[in-house]
N, C-alpha and C. Protein backbone atom coordinates (compact mmCIF):
# COMPACT_ATOMS: atom_id res chain seq x y z
N MET A 1 110.75 105.96 156.45
CA MET A 1 111.85 106.00 155.38
C MET A 1 111.43 105.09 154.23
N SER A 2 110.84 103.96 154.42
CA SER A 2 110.49 103.05 153.31
C SER A 2 109.33 103.65 152.54
N LEU A 3 108.41 104.40 153.22
CA LEU A 3 107.31 105.04 152.51
C LEU A 3 107.87 106.15 151.52
N LEU A 4 108.91 106.77 151.82
CA LEU A 4 109.57 107.79 151.01
C LEU A 4 110.18 107.08 149.76
N ILE A 5 110.78 105.93 150.00
CA ILE A 5 111.32 105.21 148.80
C ILE A 5 110.29 104.75 147.94
N ILE A 6 109.18 104.22 148.51
CA ILE A 6 108.01 103.78 147.59
C ILE A 6 107.41 104.89 146.81
N ARG A 7 107.25 106.05 147.45
CA ARG A 7 106.77 107.30 146.78
C ARG A 7 107.70 107.55 145.62
N LEU A 8 109.04 107.48 145.93
CA LEU A 8 110.03 107.96 144.77
C LEU A 8 109.97 106.97 143.67
N LEU A 9 109.81 105.66 144.03
CA LEU A 9 109.78 104.64 143.04
C LEU A 9 108.50 104.79 142.15
N VAL A 10 107.33 105.09 142.71
CA VAL A 10 106.10 105.37 142.09
C VAL A 10 106.23 106.52 141.18
N PHE A 11 106.80 107.60 141.66
CA PHE A 11 106.98 108.82 140.92
C PHE A 11 107.94 108.51 139.70
N VAL A 12 109.02 107.75 139.78
CA VAL A 12 109.90 107.43 138.72
C VAL A 12 109.19 106.64 137.71
N LEU A 13 108.39 105.64 138.14
CA LEU A 13 107.49 104.79 137.25
C LEU A 13 106.57 105.56 136.50
N VAL A 14 105.86 106.50 137.10
CA VAL A 14 104.92 107.34 136.43
C VAL A 14 105.60 108.23 135.42
N PHE A 15 106.70 108.86 135.78
CA PHE A 15 107.48 109.66 134.95
C PHE A 15 107.99 108.94 133.65
N TRP A 16 108.47 107.75 133.88
CA TRP A 16 108.91 106.86 132.85
C TRP A 16 107.81 106.55 131.85
N ALA A 17 106.74 106.15 132.48
CA ALA A 17 105.49 105.75 131.61
C ALA A 17 105.02 107.04 130.77
N GLY A 18 105.08 108.17 131.41
CA GLY A 18 104.68 109.44 130.59
C GLY A 18 105.65 109.74 129.55
N TRP A 19 106.96 109.48 129.90
CA TRP A 19 107.98 109.85 128.82
C TRP A 19 107.78 108.88 127.66
N ARG A 20 107.55 107.54 127.89
CA ARG A 20 107.41 106.59 126.84
C ARG A 20 106.10 106.94 125.97
N LEU A 21 104.99 107.31 126.58
CA LEU A 21 103.84 107.60 125.89
C LEU A 21 104.06 108.96 125.07
N TRP A 22 104.84 109.87 125.55
CA TRP A 22 105.14 111.18 124.70
C TRP A 22 105.97 110.73 123.49
N GLN A 23 106.99 109.88 123.69
CA GLN A 23 107.81 109.44 122.55
C GLN A 23 106.95 108.69 121.42
N TYR A 24 106.02 107.80 122.02
CA TYR A 24 105.22 107.09 121.03
C TYR A 24 104.30 108.16 120.30
N TRP A 25 103.73 109.14 120.91
CA TRP A 25 102.85 110.06 120.30
C TRP A 25 103.67 110.97 119.30
N GLN A 26 104.84 111.31 119.61
CA GLN A 26 105.80 112.06 118.72
C GLN A 26 106.06 111.24 117.42
N GLY A 27 106.31 109.97 117.64
CA GLY A 27 106.63 109.08 116.54
C GLY A 27 105.31 108.83 115.61
N PHE A 28 104.17 108.79 116.20
CA PHE A 28 102.91 108.76 115.50
C PHE A 28 102.70 109.98 114.67
N GLN A 29 102.97 111.08 115.32
CA GLN A 29 102.75 112.46 114.62
C GLN A 29 103.72 112.48 113.52
N ASN A 30 105.03 112.21 113.69
CA ASN A 30 105.99 112.22 112.60
C ASN A 30 105.58 111.33 111.44
N GLN A 31 105.15 110.19 111.66
CA GLN A 31 104.70 109.28 110.61
C GLN A 31 103.53 109.81 109.85
N ARG A 32 102.60 110.53 110.49
CA ARG A 32 101.46 111.08 109.75
C ARG A 32 101.98 112.26 108.88
N VAL A 33 102.93 113.00 109.35
CA VAL A 33 103.43 114.06 108.56
C VAL A 33 104.24 113.54 107.23
N GLU A 34 104.93 112.52 107.45
CA GLU A 34 105.74 111.96 106.36
C GLU A 34 104.74 111.35 105.41
N ASP A 35 103.65 110.65 105.85
CA ASP A 35 102.65 110.06 104.81
C ASP A 35 101.93 111.16 104.16
N ASP A 36 101.71 112.26 104.76
CA ASP A 36 100.95 113.38 104.04
C ASP A 36 101.93 114.05 103.03
N GLN A 37 103.27 114.12 103.28
CA GLN A 37 104.19 114.76 102.37
C GLN A 37 104.58 113.82 101.19
N SER A 38 104.31 112.59 101.38
CA SER A 38 104.77 111.57 100.38
C SER A 38 103.78 111.38 99.24
N GLY A 39 102.64 112.26 99.22
CA GLY A 39 101.80 112.16 98.10
C GLY A 39 100.72 111.06 98.24
N LYS A 40 100.47 110.84 99.45
CA LYS A 40 99.41 109.78 99.81
C LYS A 40 98.05 110.14 99.46
N ASP A 41 97.90 111.47 99.05
CA ASP A 41 96.54 111.97 98.70
C ASP A 41 96.18 111.51 97.31
N GLY A 42 97.05 110.87 96.58
CA GLY A 42 96.65 110.30 95.15
C GLY A 42 96.96 111.28 94.11
N HIS A 43 97.55 112.45 94.33
CA HIS A 43 97.77 113.43 93.27
C HIS A 43 98.93 112.97 92.42
N VAL A 44 98.61 112.61 91.14
CA VAL A 44 99.63 112.21 90.17
C VAL A 44 99.37 113.07 88.95
N SER A 45 100.40 113.57 88.31
CA SER A 45 100.19 114.38 87.05
C SER A 45 99.77 113.41 85.88
N MET A 46 99.01 113.92 84.91
CA MET A 46 98.60 113.14 83.89
C MET A 46 99.41 113.61 82.62
N VAL A 47 99.72 112.68 81.79
CA VAL A 47 100.44 112.90 80.50
C VAL A 47 99.69 112.28 79.35
N LYS A 48 100.04 112.69 78.18
CA LYS A 48 99.17 112.42 76.94
C LYS A 48 100.28 111.49 76.08
N CYS A 49 99.65 110.30 75.66
CA CYS A 49 100.46 109.52 74.75
C CYS A 49 100.67 110.15 73.40
N GLU A 50 101.90 110.26 72.92
CA GLU A 50 102.12 111.01 71.73
C GLU A 50 101.64 110.33 70.48
N GLN A 51 101.40 109.03 70.58
CA GLN A 51 100.83 108.25 69.48
C GLN A 51 99.36 108.16 69.32
N CYS A 52 98.70 107.87 70.42
CA CYS A 52 97.21 107.71 70.25
C CYS A 52 96.39 108.90 71.01
N GLY A 53 97.08 109.65 71.84
CA GLY A 53 96.43 110.80 72.42
C GLY A 53 95.69 110.54 73.69
N VAL A 54 95.79 109.19 74.29
CA VAL A 54 95.19 108.83 75.50
C VAL A 54 95.90 109.52 76.69
N HIS A 55 95.20 109.89 77.73
CA HIS A 55 95.81 110.46 78.90
C HIS A 55 95.98 109.48 79.91
N LEU A 56 97.16 109.30 80.63
CA LEU A 56 97.40 108.36 81.59
C LEU A 56 98.29 108.92 82.69
N PRO A 57 98.30 108.34 83.93
CA PRO A 57 99.13 108.88 85.03
C PRO A 57 100.68 108.77 84.62
N SER A 58 101.42 109.84 84.94
CA SER A 58 102.78 109.84 84.58
C SER A 58 103.65 108.68 85.17
N ASN A 59 103.26 108.23 86.37
CA ASN A 59 103.94 107.01 86.93
C ASN A 59 103.67 105.68 86.12
N GLU A 60 102.64 105.67 85.24
CA GLU A 60 102.39 104.49 84.43
C GLU A 60 102.85 104.64 83.07
N ALA A 61 103.23 105.84 82.59
CA ALA A 61 103.61 106.13 81.22
C ALA A 61 105.02 105.66 80.96
N ILE A 62 105.29 105.35 79.65
CA ILE A 62 106.68 104.99 79.24
C ILE A 62 107.23 106.29 78.60
N GLN A 63 108.38 106.73 79.20
CA GLN A 63 108.93 108.06 78.72
C GLN A 63 110.14 107.78 77.84
N SER A 64 110.10 108.54 76.79
CA SER A 64 111.25 108.46 75.84
C SER A 64 111.62 109.90 75.53
N GLY A 65 112.69 110.43 76.02
CA GLY A 65 113.05 111.69 75.94
C GLY A 65 111.97 112.61 76.54
N GLN A 66 111.44 113.48 75.76
CA GLN A 66 110.35 114.50 76.25
C GLN A 66 108.95 113.96 76.03
N HIS A 67 108.92 112.74 75.29
CA HIS A 67 107.62 112.10 74.97
C HIS A 67 107.21 111.12 75.94
N HIS A 68 105.88 110.88 76.08
CA HIS A 68 105.20 109.87 76.89
C HIS A 68 104.39 109.06 75.99
N PHE A 69 104.36 107.80 76.33
CA PHE A 69 103.55 106.73 75.64
C PHE A 69 102.87 105.82 76.49
N CYS A 70 101.74 105.26 76.14
CA CYS A 70 100.93 104.36 76.95
C CYS A 70 101.43 102.94 76.81
N CYS A 71 102.21 102.57 75.77
CA CYS A 71 102.74 101.24 75.74
C CYS A 71 103.97 101.24 74.86
N LYS A 72 104.72 100.08 74.90
CA LYS A 72 105.98 100.00 74.09
C LYS A 72 105.72 100.07 72.62
N GLU A 73 104.60 99.52 72.15
CA GLU A 73 104.28 99.48 70.71
C GLU A 73 104.08 100.86 70.17
N HIS A 74 103.46 101.73 70.93
CA HIS A 74 103.23 103.14 70.58
C HIS A 74 104.58 103.91 70.47
N ARG A 75 105.39 103.67 71.45
CA ARG A 75 106.74 104.35 71.51
C ARG A 75 107.49 103.85 70.21
N ASP A 76 107.45 102.52 69.87
CA ASP A 76 108.25 102.06 68.74
C ASP A 76 107.66 102.67 67.56
N GLU A 77 106.23 102.68 67.35
CA GLU A 77 105.62 103.23 66.09
C GLU A 77 105.97 104.80 66.01
N PHE A 78 106.12 105.43 67.10
CA PHE A 78 106.46 106.86 66.97
C PHE A 78 107.82 107.09 66.53
N LYS A 79 108.70 106.21 67.06
CA LYS A 79 110.08 106.32 66.62
C LYS A 79 110.33 105.96 65.23
N HIS A 80 109.66 104.98 64.76
CA HIS A 80 109.79 104.41 63.46
C HIS A 80 108.44 104.27 62.64
N PRO A 81 107.84 105.38 62.24
CA PRO A 81 106.65 105.32 61.58
C PRO A 81 106.53 104.46 60.36
N ASP A 82 107.58 104.27 59.61
CA ASP A 82 107.51 103.40 58.42
C ASP A 82 107.43 102.00 58.75
N ALA A 83 107.71 101.44 59.88
CA ALA A 83 107.70 100.14 60.23
C ALA A 83 106.23 99.57 60.33
N SER A 84 105.33 100.42 60.64
CA SER A 84 103.98 99.93 60.67
C SER A 84 103.22 99.80 59.43
N ASP A 85 103.73 100.18 58.40
CA ASP A 85 103.09 100.08 57.05
C ASP A 85 103.24 98.65 56.39
């Protein structure tokens, strides 16, 4: 009878360990998918500064309406062209 209980406990322990490994693996796979979908590949669209024409990543550009600028000075010069004279 005690051998049967030991076998049952070993079976439960092995089953529990397998279940935990499977959960860990699923979490790892889900994290990989989320990382791939979040743009980790480095793809960022490029925009052109309306004042000087330099191209820069859109996440680094200063946006004002539909226009993009590389710095605050160029944004201000574009809005008020008379101020730079």
